[in-house]
Amino acid sequence: MFTWISNNIGTIIICAVLIAIVTAIIFSMIKKKKQGKSVVCSCGNCKHCAMSGSCHKQ
């Protein structure tokens, strides 16, 4: 078991970092959604966007 871990330590670390990044993104999206902010749009200039009505309540 220890040999397998030592042979794959790089892959294990990269997977752990990717899981941490995805988890942070998901928690950030949940936090923004609870605050009533748009999860999709972050540009702040949605007047010209065809989908502005779906992500911003007017």
PDB file of N, CA and C in Angstrom:
ATOM      1  N   MET A   1       0.828  -1.193   0.000  1.00  0.00           N
ATOM      2  CA  MET A   1       0.000   0.000   0.000  1.00  0.00           C
ATOM      3  C   MET A   1       0.877   1.263   0.000  1.00  0.00           C
ATOM      4  N   PHE A   2       1.897   1.280   0.869  1.00  0.00           N
ATOM      5  CA  PHE A   2       2.777   2.438   0.929  1.00  0.00           C
ATOM      6  C   PHE A   2       3.533   2.629  -0.378  1.00  0.00           C
ATOM      7  N   THR A   3       3.895   1.553  -1.024  1.00  0.00           N
ATOM      8  CA  THR A   3       4.589   1.631  -2.304  1.00  0.00           C
ATOM      9  C   THR A   3       3.690   2.249  -3.363  1.00  0.00           C
ATOM     10  N   TRP A   4       2.434   1.853  -3.374  1.00  0.00           N
ATOM     11  CA  TRP A   4       1.482   2.410  -4.344  1.00  0.00           C
ATOM     12  C   TRP A   4       1.320   3.905  -4.121  1.00  0.00           C
ATOM     13  N   ILE A   5       1.198   4.319  -2.850  1.00  0.00           N
ATOM     14  CA  ILE A   5       1.053   5.744  -2.541  1.00  0.00           C
ATOM     15  C   ILE A   5       2.303   6.506  -2.971  1.00  0.00           C
ATOM     16  N   SER A   6       3.473   5.980  -2.677  1.00  0.00           N
ATOM     17  CA  SER A   6       4.704   6.684  -3.049  1.00  0.00           C
ATOM     18  C   SER A   6       4.892   6.735  -4.565  1.00  0.00           C
ATOM     19  N   ASN A   7       4.409   5.740  -5.279  1.00  0.00           N
ATOM     20  CA  ASN A   7       4.508   5.754  -6.742  1.00  0.00           C
ATOM     21  C   ASN A   7       3.527   6.732  -7.378  1.00  0.00           C
ATOM     22  N   ASN A   8       2.423   7.022  -6.701  1.00  0.00           N
ATOM     23  CA  ASN A   8       1.374   7.866  -7.268  1.00  0.00           C
ATOM     24  C   ASN A   8       1.169   9.162  -6.498  1.00  0.00           C
ATOM     25  N   ILE A   9       2.150   9.609  -5.727  1.00  0.00           N
ATOM     26  CA  ILE A   9       1.991  10.796  -4.891  1.00  0.00           C
ATOM     27  C   ILE A   9       1.696  12.050  -5.721  1.00  0.00           C
ATOM     28  N   GLY A  10       2.300  12.180  -6.886  1.00  0.00           N
ATOM     29  CA  GLY A  10       2.031  13.342  -7.741  1.00  0.00           C
ATOM     30  C   GLY A  10       0.589  13.389  -8.198  1.00  0.00           C
ATOM     31  N   THR A  11       0.064  12.264  -8.611  1.00  0.00           N
ATOM     32  CA  THR A  11      -1.328  12.186  -9.046  1.00  0.00           C
ATOM     33  C   THR A  11      -2.271  12.451  -7.883  1.00  0.00           C
ATOM     34  N   ILE A  12      -1.945  11.928  -6.720  1.00  0.00           N
ATOM     35  CA  ILE A  12      -2.786  12.123  -5.538  1.00  0.00           C
ATOM     36  C   ILE A  12      -2.827  13.596  -5.153  1.00  0.00           C
ATOM     37  N   ILE A  13      -1.687  14.266  -5.183  1.00  0.00           N
ATOM     38  CA  ILE A  13      -1.637  15.690  -4.831  1.00  0.00           C
ATOM     39  C   ILE A  13      -2.408  16.523  -5.842  1.00  0.00           C
ATOM     40  N   ILE A  14      -2.238  16.259  -7.119  1.00  0.00           N
ATOM     41  CA  ILE A  14      -2.958  17.009  -8.151  1.00  0.00           C
ATOM     42  C   ILE A  14      -4.461  16.804  -8.018  1.00  0.00           C
ATOM     43  N   CYS A  15      -4.890  15.582  -7.768  1.00  0.00           N
ATOM     44  CA  CYS A  15      -6.324  15.310  -7.578  1.00  0.00           C
ATOM     45  C   CYS A  15      -6.863  16.047  -6.362  1.00  0.00           C
ATOM     46  N   ALA A  16      -6.102  16.072  -5.277  1.00  0.00           N
ATOM     47  CA  ALA A  16      -6.531  16.774  -4.068  1.00  0.00           C
ATOM     48  C   ALA A  16      -6.665  18.272  -4.325  1.00  0.00           C
ATOM     49  N   VAL A  17      -5.713  18.846  -5.059  1.00  0.00           N
ATOM     50  CA  VAL A  17      -5.773  20.275  -5.383  1.00  0.00           C
ATOM     51  C   VAL A  17      -6.976  20.571  -6.273  1.00  0.00           C
ATOM     52  N   LEU A  18      -7.219  19.743  -7.279  1.00  0.00           N
ATOM     53  CA  LEU A  18      -8.369  19.952  -8.161  1.00  0.00           C
ATOM     54  C   LEU A  18      -9.689  19.825  -7.406  1.00  0.00           C
ATOM     55  N   ILE A  19      -9.780  18.861  -6.514  1.00  0.00           N
ATOM     56  CA  ILE A  19     -10.993  18.706  -5.707  1.00  0.00           C
ATOM     57  C   ILE A  19     -11.195  19.934  -4.826  1.00  0.00           C
ATOM     58  N   ALA A  20     -10.123  20.469  -4.246  1.00  0.00           N
ATOM     59  CA  ALA A  20     -10.224  21.669  -3.416  1.00  0.00           C
ATOM     60  C   ALA A  20     -10.684  22.872  -4.235  1.00  0.00           C
ATOM     61  N   ILE A  21     -10.177  23.023  -5.446  1.00  0.00           N
ATOM     62  CA  ILE A  21     -10.571  24.145  -6.308  1.00  0.00           C
ATOM     63  C   ILE A  21     -12.040  24.038  -6.695  1.00  0.00           C
ATOM     64  N   VAL A  22     -12.479  22.869  -7.112  1.00  0.00           N
ATOM     65  CA  VAL A  22     -13.883  22.675  -7.498  1.00  0.00           C
ATOM     66  C   VAL A  22     -14.798  22.909  -6.303  1.00  0.00           C
ATOM     67  N   THR A  23     -14.407  22.427  -5.129  1.00  0.00           N
ATOM     68  CA  THR A  23     -15.208  22.637  -3.923  1.00  0.00           C
ATOM     69  C   THR A  23     -15.309  24.122  -3.596  1.00  0.00           C
ATOM     70  N   ALA A  24     -14.217  24.859  -3.706  1.00  0.00           N
ATOM     71  CA  ALA A  24     -14.234  26.294  -3.440  1.00  0.00           C
ATOM     72  C   ALA A  24     -15.137  27.027  -4.427  1.00  0.00           C
ATOM     73  N   ILE A  25     -15.112  26.639  -5.681  1.00  0.00           N
ATOM     74  CA  ILE A  25     -15.978  27.260  -6.690  1.00  0.00           C
ATOM     75  C   ILE A  25     -17.441  26.991  -6.375  1.00  0.00           C
ATOM     76  N   ILE A  26     -17.762  25.764  -6.010  1.00  0.00           N
ATOM     77  CA  ILE A  26     -19.151  25.415  -5.698  1.00  0.00           C
ATOM     78  C   ILE A  26     -19.632  26.188  -4.480  1.00  0.00           C
ATOM     79  N   PHE A  27     -18.818  26.255  -3.413  1.00  0.00           N
ATOM     80  CA  PHE A  27     -19.223  27.006  -2.228  1.00  0.00           C
ATOM     81  C   PHE A  27     -19.377  28.489  -2.537  1.00  0.00           C
ATOM     82  N   SER A  28     -18.521  29.031  -3.402  1.00  0.00           N
ATOM     83  CA  SER A  28     -18.635  30.432  -3.800  1.00  0.00           C
ATOM     84  C   SER A  28     -19.942  30.680  -4.552  1.00  0.00           C
ATOM     85  N   MET A  29     -20.307  29.758  -5.437  1.00  0.00           N
ATOM     86  CA  MET A  29     -21.557  29.891  -6.185  1.00  0.00           C
ATOM     87  C   MET A  29     -22.761  29.804  -5.252  1.00  0.00           C
ATOM     88  N   ILE A  30     -22.716  28.899  -4.284  1.00  0.00           N
ATOM     89  CA  ILE A  30     -23.814  28.769  -3.324  1.00  0.00           C
ATOM     90  C   ILE A  30     -23.933  30.035  -2.489  1.00  0.00           C
ATOM     91  N   LYS A  31     -22.808  30.585  -2.047  1.00  0.00           N
ATOM     92  CA  LYS A  31     -22.811  31.809  -1.244  1.00  0.00           C
ATOM     93  C   LYS A  31     -23.401  32.975  -2.034  1.00  0.00           C
ATOM     94  N   LYS A  32     -22.991  33.126  -3.297  1.00  0.00           N
ATOM     95  CA  LYS A  32     -23.528  34.198  -4.134  1.00  0.00           C
ATOM     96  C   LYS A  32     -25.022  34.024  -4.358  1.00  0.00           C
ATOM     97  N   LYS A  33     -25.464  32.795  -4.572  1.00  0.00           N
ATOM     98  CA  LYS A  33     -26.881  32.524  -4.811  1.00  0.00           C
ATOM     99  C   LYS A  33     -27.700  32.873  -3.573  1.00  0.00           C
ATOM    100  N   LYS A  34     -27.197  32.554  -2.379  1.00  0.00           N
ATOM    101  CA  LYS A  34     -27.906  32.874  -1.138  1.00  0.00           C
ATOM    102  C   LYS A  34     -27.979  34.375  -0.902  1.00  0.00           C
ATOM    103  N   GLN A  35     -26.981  35.119  -1.388  1.00  0.00           N
ATOM    104  CA  GLN A  35     -26.965  36.567  -1.242  1.00  0.00           C
ATOM    105  C   GLN A  35     -27.818  37.254  -2.303  1.00  0.00           C
ATOM    106  N   GLY A  36     -28.359  36.472  -3.226  1.00  0.00           N
ATOM    107  CA  GLY A  36     -29.202  37.025  -4.271  1.00  0.00           C
ATOM    108  C   GLY A  36     -28.437  37.566  -5.458  1.00  0.00           C
ATOM    109  N   LYS A  37     -27.157  37.315  -5.507  1.00  0.00           N
ATOM    110  CA  LYS A  37     -26.348  37.778  -6.629  1.00  0.00           C
ATOM    111  C   LYS A  37     -26.426  36.774  -7.764  1.00  0.00           C
ATOM    112  N   SER A  38     -26.071  37.230  -8.939  1.00  0.00           N
ATOM    113  CA  SER A  38     -26.061  36.350 -10.096  1.00  0.00           C
ATOM    114  C   SER A  38     -24.848  35.435 -10.031  1.00  0.00           C
ATOM    115  N   VAL A  39     -25.076  34.168 -10.255  1.00  0.00           N
ATOM    116  CA  VAL A  39     -23.990  33.193 -10.239  1.00  0.00           C
ATOM    117  C   VAL A  39     -23.296  33.154 -11.591  1.00  0.00           C
ATOM    118  N   VAL A  40     -24.029  33.419 -12.650  1.00  0.00           N
ATOM    119  CA  VAL A  40     -23.509  33.277 -14.001  1.00  0.00           C
ATOM    120  C   VAL A  40     -22.751  34.516 -14.447  1.00  0.00           C
ATOM    121  N   CYS A  41     -23.309  35.670 -14.221  1.00  0.00           N
ATOM    122  CA  CYS A  41     -22.755  36.914 -14.747  1.00  0.00           C
ATOM    123  C   CYS A  41     -21.875  37.595 -13.710  1.00  0.00           C
ATOM    124  N   SER A  42     -20.686  37.962 -14.108  1.00  0.00           N
ATOM    125  CA  SER A  42     -19.811  38.704 -13.204  1.00  0.00           C
ATOM    126  C   SER A  42     -19.215  39.932 -13.886  1.00  0.00           C
ATOM    127  N   CYS A  43     -19.680  40.227 -15.086  1.00  0.00           N
ATOM    128  CA  CYS A  43     -19.078  41.330 -15.834  1.00  0.00           C
ATOM    129  C   CYS A  43     -19.613  42.684 -15.387  1.00  0.00           C
ATOM    130  N   GLY A  44     -20.837  42.738 -14.896  1.00  0.00           N
ATOM    131  CA  GLY A  44     -21.410  43.988 -14.447  1.00  0.00           C
ATOM    132  C   GLY A  44     -21.962  44.847 -15.568  1.00  0.00           C
ATOM    133  N   ASN A  45     -21.827  44.441 -16.802  1.00  0.00           N
ATOM    134  CA  ASN A  45     -22.312  45.217 -17.933  1.00  0.00           C
ATOM    135  C   ASN A  45     -23.181  44.315 -18.794  1.00  0.00           C
ATOM    136  N   CYS A  46     -24.398  44.052 -18.331  1.00  0.00           N
ATOM    137  CA  CYS A  46     -25.254  43.086 -19.017  1.00  0.00           C
ATOM    138  C   CYS A  46     -26.343  43.738 -19.867  1.00  0.00           C
ATOM    139  N   LYS A  47     -26.275  45.039 -20.036  1.00  0.00           N
ATOM    140  CA  LYS A  47     -27.312  45.709 -20.824  1.00  0.00           C
ATOM    141  C   LYS A  47     -27.376  45.177 -22.248  1.00  0.00           C
ATOM    142  N   HIS A  48     -26.238  44.848 -22.795  1.00  0.00           N
ATOM    143  CA  HIS A  48     -26.162  44.436 -24.190  1.00  0.00           C
ATOM    144  C   HIS A  48     -26.271  42.932 -24.377  1.00  0.00           C
ATOM    145  N   CYS A  49     -26.396  42.197 -23.299  1.00  0.00           N
ATOM    146  CA  CYS A  49     -26.461  40.744 -23.370  1.00  0.00           C
ATOM    147  C   CYS A  49     -27.892  40.303 -23.665  1.00  0.00           C
ATOM    148  N   ALA A  50     -28.047  39.345 -24.557  1.00  0.00           N
ATOM    149  CA  ALA A  50     -29.376  38.848 -24.906  1.00  0.00           C
ATOM    150  C   ALA A  50     -30.020  38.088 -23.759  1.00  0.00           C
ATOM    151  N   MET A  51     -29.232  37.565 -22.845  1.00  0.00           N
ATOM    152  CA  MET A  51     -29.750  36.775 -21.727  1.00  0.00           C
ATOM    153  C   MET A  51     -29.840  37.576 -20.430  1.00  0.00           C
ATOM    154  N   SER A  52     -29.730  38.894 -20.487  1.00  0.00           N
ATOM    155  CA  SER A  52     -29.711  39.694 -19.263  1.00  0.00           C
ATOM    156  C   SER A  52     -30.999  39.568 -18.461  1.00  0.00           C
ATOM    157  N   GLY A  53     -32.109  39.312 -19.116  1.00  0.00           N
ATOM    158  CA  GLY A  53     -33.374  39.154 -18.403  1.00  0.00           C
ATOM    159  C   GLY A  53     -33.443  37.888 -17.581  1.00  0.00           C
ATOM    160  N   SER A  54     -32.669  36.888 -17.938  1.00  0.00           N
ATOM    161  CA  SER A  54     -32.723  35.628 -17.201  1.00  0.00           C
ATOM    162  C   SER A  54     -31.817  35.621 -15.977  1.00  0.00           C
ATOM    163  N   CYS A  55     -30.795  36.447 -15.945  1.00  0.00           N
ATOM    164  CA  CYS A  55     -29.918  36.424 -14.774  1.00  0.00           C
ATOM    165  C   CYS A  55     -30.074  37.644 -13.883  1.00  0.00           C
ATOM    166  N   HIS A  56     -30.797  38.656 -14.320  1.00  0.00           N
ATOM    167  CA  HIS A  56     -31.026  39.842 -13.502  1.00  0.00           C
ATOM    168  C   HIS A  56     -32.515  40.128 -13.436  1.00  0.00           C
ATOM    169  N   LYS A  57     -33.018  40.233 -12.220  1.00  0.00           N
ATOM    170  CA  LYS A  57     -34.431  40.592 -12.042  1.00  0.00           C
ATOM    171  C   LYS A  57     -34.569  42.094 -12.253  1.00  0.00           C
ATOM    172  N   GLN A  58     -35.545  42.461 -13.077  1.00  0.00           N
ATOM    173  CA  GLN A  58     -35.714  43.889 -13.376  1.00  0.00           C
ATOM    174  C   GLN A  58     -36.984  44.416 -12.780  1.00  0.00           C
TER     175      GLN A  58
END
